[in-house]
Amino acid sequence: MENHTIKEGKTAALISYIPVIGAPIAFFLNKNKRNYFASFHIRQTFGLNILYFINKWIVYEYFGLTAFNIGKGGVLVLFILGGLGALREQQKLVPLLGDKFQEWFKNI
């Protein structure tokens, strides 16, 4: 039986917004209970982490340090916005690609 309460999924949702390491940790915390609120935010952070690595490997390589720093700042802002949504117990999509992240990672 799935647990859909926001209060019980809030910890995993907040942990997921720690860049790079948070999403995998939250994924394993949520694996057995399958809380919908936590899963929503874990899907968001998986997408944000992919954006982070695309920025790190592709943008930096082909466009240089300035473009990389701008992209890194943008991704950091998205992490903060998502984390604030989790802290406020809201299921707000991150701007731009949040709906795609939900679609692409719907099995999480």
N, C-alpha and C. Protein backbone atom coordinates (compact mmCIF):
# COMPACT_ATOMS: atom_id res chain seq x y z
N MET A 1 0.84 -1.17 0.00
CA MET A 1 0.00 0.00 0.00
C MET A 1 0.89 1.25 0.00
N GLU A 2 0.60 2.19 -0.88
CA GLU A 2 1.41 3.39 -1.01
C GLU A 2 1.04 4.42 0.06
N ASN A 3 2.03 5.13 0.50
CA ASN A 3 1.84 6.17 1.49
C ASN A 3 1.91 7.52 0.78
N HIS A 4 0.87 8.30 0.81
CA HIS A 4 0.79 9.54 0.05
C HIS A 4 0.84 10.80 0.92
N THR A 5 1.27 10.70 2.15
CA THR A 5 1.25 11.88 3.00
C THR A 5 2.50 12.73 2.76
N ILE A 6 2.28 14.02 2.75
CA ILE A 6 3.36 14.96 2.49
C ILE A 6 4.34 14.99 3.66
N LYS A 7 3.83 14.96 4.88
CA LYS A 7 4.71 15.04 6.05
C LYS A 7 5.74 13.92 6.07
N GLU A 8 5.33 12.71 5.72
CA GLU A 8 6.26 11.58 5.76
C GLU A 8 7.26 11.61 4.61
N GLY A 9 6.94 12.27 3.53
CA GLY A 9 7.85 12.32 2.40
C GLY A 9 8.72 13.57 2.36
N LYS A 10 8.48 14.49 3.30
CA LYS A 10 9.18 15.77 3.28
C LYS A 10 10.69 15.62 3.47
N THR A 11 11.12 14.74 4.35
CA THR A 11 12.55 14.57 4.60
C THR A 11 13.27 14.09 3.35
N ALA A 12 12.74 13.07 2.70
CA ALA A 12 13.36 12.57 1.48
C ALA A 12 13.33 13.63 0.38
N ALA A 13 12.24 14.38 0.32
CA ALA A 13 12.13 15.44 -0.69
C ALA A 13 13.21 16.50 -0.47
N LEU A 14 13.42 16.90 0.76
CA LEU A 14 14.43 17.91 1.06
C LEU A 14 15.84 17.38 0.81
N ILE A 15 16.11 16.15 1.19
CA ILE A 15 17.42 15.54 0.95
C ILE A 15 17.73 15.48 -0.54
N SER A 16 16.72 15.25 -1.34
CA SER A 16 16.94 15.12 -2.78
C SER A 16 17.51 16.38 -3.41
N TYR A 17 17.33 17.54 -2.79
CA TYR A 17 17.82 18.80 -3.35
C TYR A 17 19.27 19.11 -2.98
N ILE A 18 19.96 18.20 -2.34
CA ILE A 18 21.40 18.36 -2.16
C ILE A 18 22.03 18.00 -3.50
N PRO A 19 22.70 18.96 -4.14
CA PRO A 19 23.21 18.70 -5.50
C PRO A 19 24.09 17.45 -5.56
N VAL A 20 23.91 16.71 -6.61
CA VAL A 20 24.64 15.51 -7.01
C VAL A 20 24.34 14.31 -6.13
N ILE A 21 24.54 14.38 -4.82
CA ILE A 21 24.38 13.19 -3.98
C ILE A 21 22.99 13.03 -3.38
N GLY A 22 22.21 14.09 -3.35
CA GLY A 22 20.91 14.05 -2.67
C GLY A 22 19.88 13.17 -3.35
N ALA A 23 19.80 13.25 -4.68
CA ALA A 23 18.78 12.48 -5.40
C ALA A 23 18.97 10.96 -5.22
N PRO A 24 20.19 10.43 -5.39
CA PRO A 24 20.34 8.98 -5.16
C PRO A 24 20.03 8.56 -3.72
N ILE A 25 20.44 9.38 -2.75
CA ILE A 25 20.15 9.05 -1.35
C ILE A 25 18.64 9.05 -1.11
N ALA A 26 17.96 10.09 -1.59
CA ALA A 26 16.51 10.18 -1.41
C ALA A 26 15.79 9.05 -2.15
N PHE A 27 16.31 8.67 -3.31
CA PHE A 27 15.72 7.57 -4.07
C PHE A 27 15.72 6.29 -3.24
N PHE A 28 16.84 5.99 -2.60
CA PHE A 28 16.92 4.77 -1.80
C PHE A 28 16.11 4.89 -0.50
N LEU A 29 16.00 6.09 0.05
CA LEU A 29 15.14 6.28 1.23
C LEU A 29 13.67 6.06 0.88
N ASN A 30 13.31 6.42 -0.34
CA ASN A 30 11.91 6.35 -0.78
C ASN A 30 11.57 5.04 -1.46
N LYS A 31 12.55 4.19 -1.67
CA LYS A 31 12.36 2.97 -2.47
C LYS A 31 11.28 2.04 -1.90
N ASN A 32 11.26 1.84 -0.61
CA ASN A 32 10.32 0.90 -0.02
C ASN A 32 8.95 1.52 0.25
N LYS A 33 8.92 2.76 0.71
CA LYS A 33 7.65 3.39 1.08
C LYS A 33 6.90 3.99 -0.11
N ARG A 34 7.63 4.42 -1.13
CA ARG A 34 7.05 5.01 -2.35
C ARG A 34 6.07 6.15 -2.03
N ASN A 35 6.55 7.14 -1.33
CA ASN A 35 5.75 8.32 -1.01
C ASN A 35 5.66 9.19 -2.25
N TYR A 36 4.45 9.59 -2.63
CA TYR A 36 4.25 10.35 -3.86
C TYR A 36 4.91 11.72 -3.81
N PHE A 37 4.83 12.40 -2.68
CA PHE A 37 5.44 13.72 -2.53
C PHE A 37 6.96 13.64 -2.71
N ALA A 38 7.59 12.67 -2.06
CA ALA A 38 9.03 12.50 -2.20
C ALA A 38 9.40 12.12 -3.63
N SER A 39 8.63 11.24 -4.25
CA SER A 39 8.90 10.83 -5.63
C SER A 39 8.83 12.01 -6.59
N PHE A 40 7.86 12.89 -6.38
CA PHE A 40 7.73 14.08 -7.21
C PHE A 40 9.02 14.90 -7.17
N HIS A 41 9.52 15.16 -5.99
CA HIS A 41 10.72 15.98 -5.85
C HIS A 41 11.98 15.23 -6.29
N ILE A 42 12.02 13.94 -6.11
CA ILE A 42 13.17 13.17 -6.58
C ILE A 42 13.25 13.22 -8.10
N ARG A 43 12.12 13.14 -8.78
CA ARG A 43 12.11 13.25 -10.25
C ARG A 43 12.63 14.63 -10.68
N GLN A 44 12.24 15.67 -9.95
CA GLN A 44 12.72 17.02 -10.26
C GLN A 44 14.23 17.10 -10.12
N THR A 45 14.76 16.54 -9.04
CA THR A 45 16.20 16.65 -8.82
C THR A 45 17.02 15.76 -9.73
N PHE A 46 16.47 14.64 -10.16
CA PHE A 46 17.20 13.85 -11.15
C PHE A 46 17.40 14.68 -12.42
N GLY A 47 16.37 15.39 -12.83
CA GLY A 47 16.48 16.25 -14.00
C GLY A 47 17.45 17.40 -13.78
N LEU A 48 17.41 18.00 -12.60
CA LEU A 48 18.33 19.09 -12.30
C LEU A 48 19.78 18.61 -12.28
N ASN A 49 20.00 17.41 -11.76
CA ASN A 49 21.36 16.86 -11.77
C ASN A 49 21.84 16.61 -13.19
N ILE A 50 20.96 16.15 -14.06
CA ILE A 50 21.34 15.97 -15.45
C ILE A 50 21.70 17.31 -16.08
N LEU A 51 20.92 18.35 -15.79
CA LEU A 51 21.25 19.69 -16.28
C LEU A 51 22.61 20.14 -15.76
N TYR A 52 22.88 19.84 -14.51
CA TYR A 52 24.16 20.21 -13.92
C TYR A 52 25.31 19.55 -14.68
N PHE A 53 25.19 18.24 -14.96
CA PHE A 53 26.27 17.54 -15.65
C PHE A 53 26.39 17.94 -17.12
N ILE A 54 25.28 18.24 -17.76
CA ILE A 54 25.33 18.76 -19.13
C ILE A 54 26.08 20.09 -19.13
N ASN A 55 25.75 20.93 -18.17
CA ASN A 55 26.44 22.21 -18.06
C ASN A 55 27.94 22.00 -17.81
N LYS A 56 28.25 21.06 -16.93
CA LYS A 56 29.63 20.82 -16.55
C LYS A 56 30.45 20.27 -17.71
N TRP A 57 29.91 19.33 -18.44
CA TRP A 57 30.68 18.66 -19.48
C TRP A 57 30.56 19.32 -20.85
N ILE A 58 29.38 19.70 -21.23
CA ILE A 58 29.19 20.21 -22.60
C ILE A 58 29.35 21.72 -22.67
N VAL A 59 28.65 22.45 -21.84
CA VAL A 59 28.71 23.91 -21.90
C VAL A 59 30.13 24.39 -21.61
N TYR A 60 30.75 23.86 -20.57
CA TYR A 60 32.11 24.27 -20.23
C TYR A 60 33.08 23.94 -21.36
N GLU A 61 32.96 22.76 -21.93
CA GLU A 61 33.88 22.31 -22.98
C GLU A 61 33.77 23.16 -24.24
N TYR A 62 32.56 23.48 -24.66
CA TYR A 62 32.37 24.14 -25.95
C TYR A 62 32.15 25.65 -25.87
N PHE A 63 31.73 26.16 -24.71
CA PHE A 63 31.41 27.58 -24.63
C PHE A 63 32.26 28.34 -23.62
N GLY A 64 33.02 27.63 -22.81
CA GLY A 64 33.95 28.29 -21.91
C GLY A 64 33.45 28.50 -20.50
N LEU A 65 34.34 29.10 -19.73
CA LEU A 65 34.12 29.27 -18.29
C LEU A 65 32.96 30.22 -17.97
N THR A 66 32.84 31.30 -18.72
CA THR A 66 31.78 32.26 -18.44
C THR A 66 30.40 31.64 -18.63
N ALA A 67 30.21 30.95 -19.74
CA ALA A 67 28.93 30.28 -20.00
C ALA A 67 28.67 29.20 -18.95
N PHE A 68 29.72 28.49 -18.56
CA PHE A 68 29.59 27.47 -17.53
C PHE A 68 29.11 28.08 -16.22
N ASN A 69 29.72 29.20 -15.82
CA ASN A 69 29.35 29.85 -14.56
C ASN A 69 27.92 30.38 -14.59
N ILE A 70 27.50 30.90 -15.73
CA ILE A 70 26.11 31.36 -15.86
C ILE A 70 25.16 30.17 -15.75
N GLY A 71 25.47 29.08 -16.43
CA GLY A 71 24.64 27.88 -16.36
C GLY A 71 24.62 27.28 -14.96
N LYS A 72 25.78 27.28 -14.30
CA LYS A 72 25.85 26.75 -12.94
C LYS A 72 25.00 27.58 -12.00
N GLY A 73 25.03 28.89 -12.16
CA GLY A 73 24.19 29.76 -11.34
C GLY A 73 22.71 29.51 -11.59
N GLY A 74 22.35 29.31 -12.87
CA GLY A 74 20.96 29.03 -13.21
C GLY A 74 20.48 27.72 -12.61
N VAL A 75 21.31 26.69 -12.69
CA VAL A 75 20.93 25.39 -12.12
C VAL A 75 20.84 25.49 -10.60
N LEU A 76 21.74 26.24 -9.99
CA LEU A 76 21.70 26.43 -8.54
C LEU A 76 20.40 27.12 -8.12
N VAL A 77 19.97 28.12 -8.88
CA VAL A 77 18.70 28.80 -8.59
C VAL A 77 17.54 27.81 -8.68
N LEU A 78 17.57 26.93 -9.69
CA LEU A 78 16.51 25.93 -9.83
C LEU A 78 16.51 24.95 -8.65
N PHE A 79 17.70 24.55 -8.18
CA PHE A 79 17.79 23.69 -6.99
C PHE A 79 17.17 24.41 -5.78
N ILE A 80 17.47 25.68 -5.62
CA ILE A 80 16.94 26.43 -4.48
C ILE A 80 15.43 26.57 -4.57
N LEU A 81 14.92 26.88 -5.77
CA LEU A 81 13.46 27.00 -5.94
C LEU A 81 12.76 25.68 -5.64
N GLY A 82 13.32 24.58 -6.13
CA GLY A 82 12.73 23.27 -5.85
C GLY A 82 12.79 22.92 -4.38
N GLY A 83 13.93 23.21 -3.74
CA GLY A 83 14.08 22.94 -2.32
C GLY A 83 13.11 23.76 -1.48
N LEU A 84 12.89 25.01 -1.86
CA LEU A 84 11.91 25.84 -1.15
C LEU A 84 10.50 25.29 -1.31
N GLY A 85 10.19 24.77 -2.50
CA GLY A 85 8.89 24.14 -2.71
C GLY A 85 8.70 22.93 -1.81
N ALA A 86 9.74 22.12 -1.68
CA ALA A 86 9.67 20.95 -0.80
C ALA A 86 9.54 21.38 0.65
N LEU A 87 10.28 22.40 1.03
CA LEU A 87 10.22 22.90 2.40
C LEU A 87 8.84 23.44 2.74
N ARG A 88 8.19 24.06 1.78
CA ARG A 88 6.85 24.61 1.97
C ARG A 88 5.76 23.57 1.73
N GLU A 89 6.18 22.34 1.48
CA GLU A 89 5.26 21.22 1.25
C GLU A 89 4.40 21.42 0.02
N GLN A 90 4.99 21.96 -1.04
CA GLN A 90 4.30 22.19 -2.30
C GLN A 90 4.90 21.31 -3.39
N GLN A 91 4.07 20.94 -4.33
CA GLN A 91 4.54 20.18 -5.49
C GLN A 91 4.62 21.12 -6.68
N LYS A 92 5.55 22.06 -6.62
CA LYS A 92 5.73 23.02 -7.69
C LYS A 92 6.82 22.51 -8.63
N LEU A 93 6.51 22.56 -9.92
CA LEU A 93 7.49 22.17 -10.92
C LEU A 93 8.59 23.22 -11.00
N VAL A 94 9.83 22.78 -11.21
CA VAL A 94 10.89 23.75 -11.43
C VAL A 94 10.65 24.42 -12.79
N PRO A 95 10.98 25.70 -12.90
CA PRO A 95 10.72 26.40 -14.16
C PRO A 95 11.43 25.76 -15.35
N LEU A 96 10.85 25.90 -16.49
CA LEU A 96 11.35 25.48 -17.79
C LEU A 96 11.14 23.99 -18.08
N LEU A 97 11.77 23.11 -17.35
CA LEU A 97 11.74 21.69 -17.70
C LEU A 97 11.08 20.79 -16.65
N GLY A 98 10.47 21.36 -15.63
CA GLY A 98 9.89 20.56 -14.56
C GLY A 98 8.86 19.55 -15.03
N ASP A 99 8.00 19.95 -15.98
CA ASP A 99 7.01 19.00 -16.49
C ASP A 99 7.65 17.88 -17.28
N LYS A 100 8.72 18.18 -17.98
CA LYS A 100 9.46 17.14 -18.72
C LYS A 100 10.14 16.18 -17.76
N PHE A 101 10.69 16.69 -16.66
CA PHE A 101 11.33 15.82 -15.67
C PHE A 101 10.31 14.82 -15.11
N GLN A 102 9.10 15.29 -14.86
CA GLN A 102 8.06 14.39 -14.35
C GLN A 102 7.73 13.31 -15.37
N GLU A 103 7.72 13.69 -16.63
CA GLU A 103 7.40 12.75 -17.71
C GLU A 103 8.54 11.76 -17.93
N TRP A 104 9.77 12.26 -18.00
CA TRP A 104 10.92 11.41 -18.30
C TRP A 104 11.23 10.43 -17.19
N PHE A 105 11.01 10.82 -15.95
CA PHE A 105 11.37 9.96 -14.80
C PHE A 105 10.14 9.44 -14.08
N LYS A 106 9.07 9.19 -14.82
CA LYS A 106 7.80 8.78 -14.19
C LYS A 106 7.90 7.44 -13.47
N ASN A 107 8.91 6.64 -13.74
CA ASN A 107 9.06 5.33 -13.07
C ASN A 107 9.74 5.43 -11.72
N ILE A 108 10.15 6.62 -11.33
CA ILE A 108 10.82 6.79 -10.04
C ILE A 108 9.77 7.02 -8.97
